[in-house]
Protein backbone atom coordinates (compact mmCIF):
# COMPACT_ATOMS: atom_id res chain seq x y z
CA THR A 1 -104.51 -108.99 27.82
CA ASP A 2 -107.77 -107.64 26.77
CA PHE A 3 -108.95 -104.16 27.73
CA THR A 4 -112.49 -102.95 27.88
CA ILE A 5 -113.68 -99.43 27.17
CA SER A 6 -114.52 -99.00 30.88
CA ASP A 7 -110.85 -99.63 31.70
CA PHE A 8 -109.91 -96.53 29.71
CA VAL A 9 -112.54 -94.20 31.19
CA ALA A 10 -112.14 -95.30 34.83
CA ASP A 11 -110.04 -93.30 37.30
CA VAL A 12 -108.36 -96.41 38.67
CA ARG A 13 -107.78 -99.79 37.07
CA ALA A 14 -107.60 -102.94 39.19
CA PRO A 15 -105.98 -106.08 37.84
CA THR A 16 -108.30 -108.44 39.75
CA PRO A 17 -111.78 -108.28 41.23
CA SER A 18 -110.46 -108.67 44.81
CA VAL A 19 -108.07 -105.76 44.32
CA ALA A 20 -111.00 -103.78 42.90
CA ALA A 21 -113.02 -104.59 46.05
CA GLU A 22 -110.17 -103.41 48.24
CA LEU A 23 -109.96 -100.18 46.24
CA VAL A 24 -113.71 -99.55 46.40
CA VAL A 25 -114.13 -100.12 50.15
CA PRO A 26 -111.86 -97.77 52.11
CA ASN A 27 -109.85 -98.91 55.04
CA VAL A 28 -111.97 -98.81 58.22
CA LEU A 29 -109.03 -97.78 60.37
CA GLU A 30 -108.36 -94.75 58.18
CA TRP A 31 -112.00 -93.70 58.48
CA LEU A 32 -111.98 -94.16 62.23
CA ASN A 33 -108.82 -92.06 62.43
CA VAL A 34 -110.36 -89.29 60.27
CA LEU A 35 -113.58 -89.37 62.30
CA GLY A 36 -111.61 -89.21 65.58
CA ASN A 37 -109.71 -86.16 64.34
CA LEU A 38 -112.94 -84.48 63.24
CA LYS A 39 -114.53 -85.28 66.60
CA ARG A 40 -111.59 -83.76 68.52
CA ARG A 41 -111.64 -80.62 66.35
CA LEU A 42 -115.40 -80.27 66.80
CA ILE A 43 -115.17 -80.68 70.59
CA GLY A 44 -112.30 -78.16 70.78
CA SER A 45 -114.21 -75.70 68.65
CA MET A 46 -117.35 -76.09 70.77
CA GLN A 47 -115.37 -75.66 74.02
CA ASN A 48 -113.74 -72.52 72.62
CA LYS A 49 -117.15 -71.16 71.60
CA LEU A 50 -118.60 -71.93 75.07
CA GLN A 51 -115.70 -70.12 76.76
CA ARG A 52 -116.29 -67.04 74.61
CA ILE A 53 -120.02 -67.16 75.40
CA ASN A 54 -119.28 -67.52 79.13
CA LEU A 55 -116.98 -64.48 79.02
CA LEU A 56 -119.64 -62.52 77.18
CA VAL A 57 -122.28 -63.50 79.76
CA LEU A 58 -119.96 -62.49 82.62
CA ASN A 59 -119.32 -59.11 81.01
CA LEU A 60 -123.05 -58.60 80.49
CA LYS A 61 -123.71 -59.56 84.12
CA LYS A 62 -121.26 -56.90 85.25
CA GLN A 63 -122.99 -54.32 83.09
CA LEU A 64 -126.53 -55.37 83.97
CA ARG A 65 -126.44 -55.51 87.73
CA HIS A 66 -129.46 -56.33 89.75
CA PRO A 67 -132.01 -53.46 89.72
CA ARG A 68 -131.92 -53.27 93.52
CA TYR A 69 -128.22 -52.33 93.46
CA TYR A 70 -128.82 -49.84 90.68
CA LEU A 71 -131.67 -48.22 92.62
CA ALA A 72 -129.65 -48.19 95.84
CA GLU A 73 -126.81 -46.44 94.05
CA ARG A 74 -129.19 -43.87 92.56
CA MET A 75 -130.85 -43.31 95.95
CA GLN A 76 -127.45 -42.70 97.52
CA ARG A 77 -126.61 -40.13 94.82
CA LEU A 78 -130.00 -38.49 95.37
CA ASP A 79 -129.32 -38.29 99.13
CA GLU A 80 -125.93 -36.71 98.41
CA PHE A 81 -127.54 -34.14 96.10
CA GLN A 82 -130.21 -33.36 98.70
CA HIS A 83 -127.53 -32.90 101.35
CA ARG A 84 -125.50 -30.61 99.08
CA LEU A 85 -128.64 -28.64 98.19
CA HIS A 86 -129.51 -28.28 101.88
CA LEU A 87 -126.00 -27.00 102.65
CA ALA A 88 -126.11 -24.59 99.71
CA MET A 89 -129.51 -23.29 100.84
CA GLN A 90 -128.24 -22.81 104.41
CA HIS A 91 -125.18 -20.99 103.11
CA GLN A 92 -127.30 -18.73 100.90
CA LEU A 93 -129.74 -18.09 103.75
CA SER A 94 -126.84 -17.17 106.04
CA ARG A 95 -125.50 -14.75 103.43
CA TRP A 96 -128.94 -13.16 103.06
CA GLN A 97 -129.29 -12.86 106.84
CA GLN A 98 -125.91 -11.14 107.07
CA ARG A 99 -126.85 -8.81 104.25
CA LEU A 100 -130.22 -8.06 105.85
CA SER A 101 -128.48 -7.38 109.16
CA LYS A 102 -126.12 -4.89 107.47
CA ILE A 103 -129.06 -3.20 105.78
CA GLY A 104 -130.86 -3.06 109.14
CA VAL A 105 -127.85 -1.40 110.77
CA ALA A 106 -127.67 1.12 107.90
CA LEU A 107 -131.41 1.79 108.23
CA ASP A 108 -131.08 2.30 111.98
CA MET A 109 -128.34 4.84 111.37
CA VAL A 110 -130.63 7.00 109.22
CA SER A 111 -133.87 6.23 111.04
CA PRO A 112 -135.64 9.15 112.72
CA LEU A 113 -136.39 6.80 115.63
CA ALA A 114 -132.67 6.25 116.18
CA THR A 115 -132.24 10.02 116.25
CA LEU A 116 -135.00 10.23 118.85
CA GLU A 117 -133.25 7.49 120.88
CA ARG A 118 -130.16 9.71 121.04
CA GLY A 119 -132.20 12.48 122.73
CA TYR A 120 -133.30 14.58 119.80
CA ALA A 121 -136.88 15.59 118.97
CA VAL A 122 -138.79 16.24 115.75
CA ILE A 123 -140.71 19.53 115.95
CA SER A 124 -143.79 20.01 113.76
CA LYS A 125 -146.46 22.67 113.23
CA ASP A 126 -149.71 21.76 111.49
CA ASP A 127 -148.23 18.30 110.63
CA LYS A 128 -145.27 19.89 108.82
CA VAL A 129 -141.74 19.38 110.14
CA ILE A 130 -140.07 22.60 111.24
CA LYS A 131 -136.51 22.86 109.92
CA ARG A 132 -135.67 26.57 110.47
CA THR A 133 -136.46 29.18 113.06
CA ALA A 134 -138.08 31.18 110.27
CA ASP A 135 -140.81 28.50 110.04
CA VAL A 136 -142.28 29.65 113.40
CA VAL A 137 -143.08 32.89 115.20
CA VAL A 138 -143.35 33.66 118.89
CA GLY A 139 -146.62 32.31 120.20
CA ASP A 140 -146.98 29.43 117.68
CA LYS A 141 -148.11 26.14 119.09
CA VAL A 142 -145.86 23.23 118.00
CA ARG A 143 -145.59 19.54 118.74
CA ALA A 144 -142.36 17.82 119.76
CA ARG A 145 -142.09 14.13 118.86
CA LEU A 146 -139.88 12.29 121.37
CA VAL A 147 -138.84 8.67 121.58
CA ASP A 148 -141.75 7.72 123.86
CA GLY A 149 -144.49 10.10 122.67
CA GLU A 150 -145.34 13.73 121.89
CA ILE A 151 -145.51 16.96 123.85
CA SER A 152 -147.25 20.22 122.96
CA CYS A 153 -145.15 23.38 123.18
CA GLN A 154 -145.50 27.09 122.58
CA VAL A 155 -142.72 29.16 120.99
CA LEU A 156 -141.56 31.75 123.52
CA THR A 157 -138.54 33.10 121.67
CA THR A 158 -136.50 32.42 118.53
CA CYS A 159 -132.79 32.89 118.10
CA ASN A 160 -131.21 33.06 114.64
CA GLY A 161 -127.66 31.98 113.92
CA LYS A 162 -125.28 29.51 115.39
CA SER A 163 -124.99 31.01 118.80
CA SER A 164 -126.92 28.21 120.49
CA LYS A 165 -125.36 26.29 123.33
CA PHE A 166 -125.69 22.87 121.67
């Protein structure tokens, strides 16, 4: 048996040319089996990827709703805020009205007109209010301001002290 140099450097040695041909050309069934496995793995991988993409798209759809719904929601919130603002303004206005009414009652209590309504008069001489009997003398002309107008009077007598009949 003779050996050639190529026999020693080759990965596989075949005893005959037909065996060498069988070794060089792989089995078609093995290749078909390998290709079938690769095809199934590729299809499975692609289906898995498509499912993940579909889930992502569904999540994005939920987040990015149609602008009409978004605007309707914002309009509803705006209406609620307007309603709350209106109620708050009415409440504040009511509080101010009550406060103003209390101030009005307090003003009426100290108002000279309210005093006149109770039957009193404001007496003045030369546009100055007379507070004491010492401010006038017998014969002075004075004006009495009443609730419905004024009357002119003349001082006939004065009486000092608290002996009046009021």
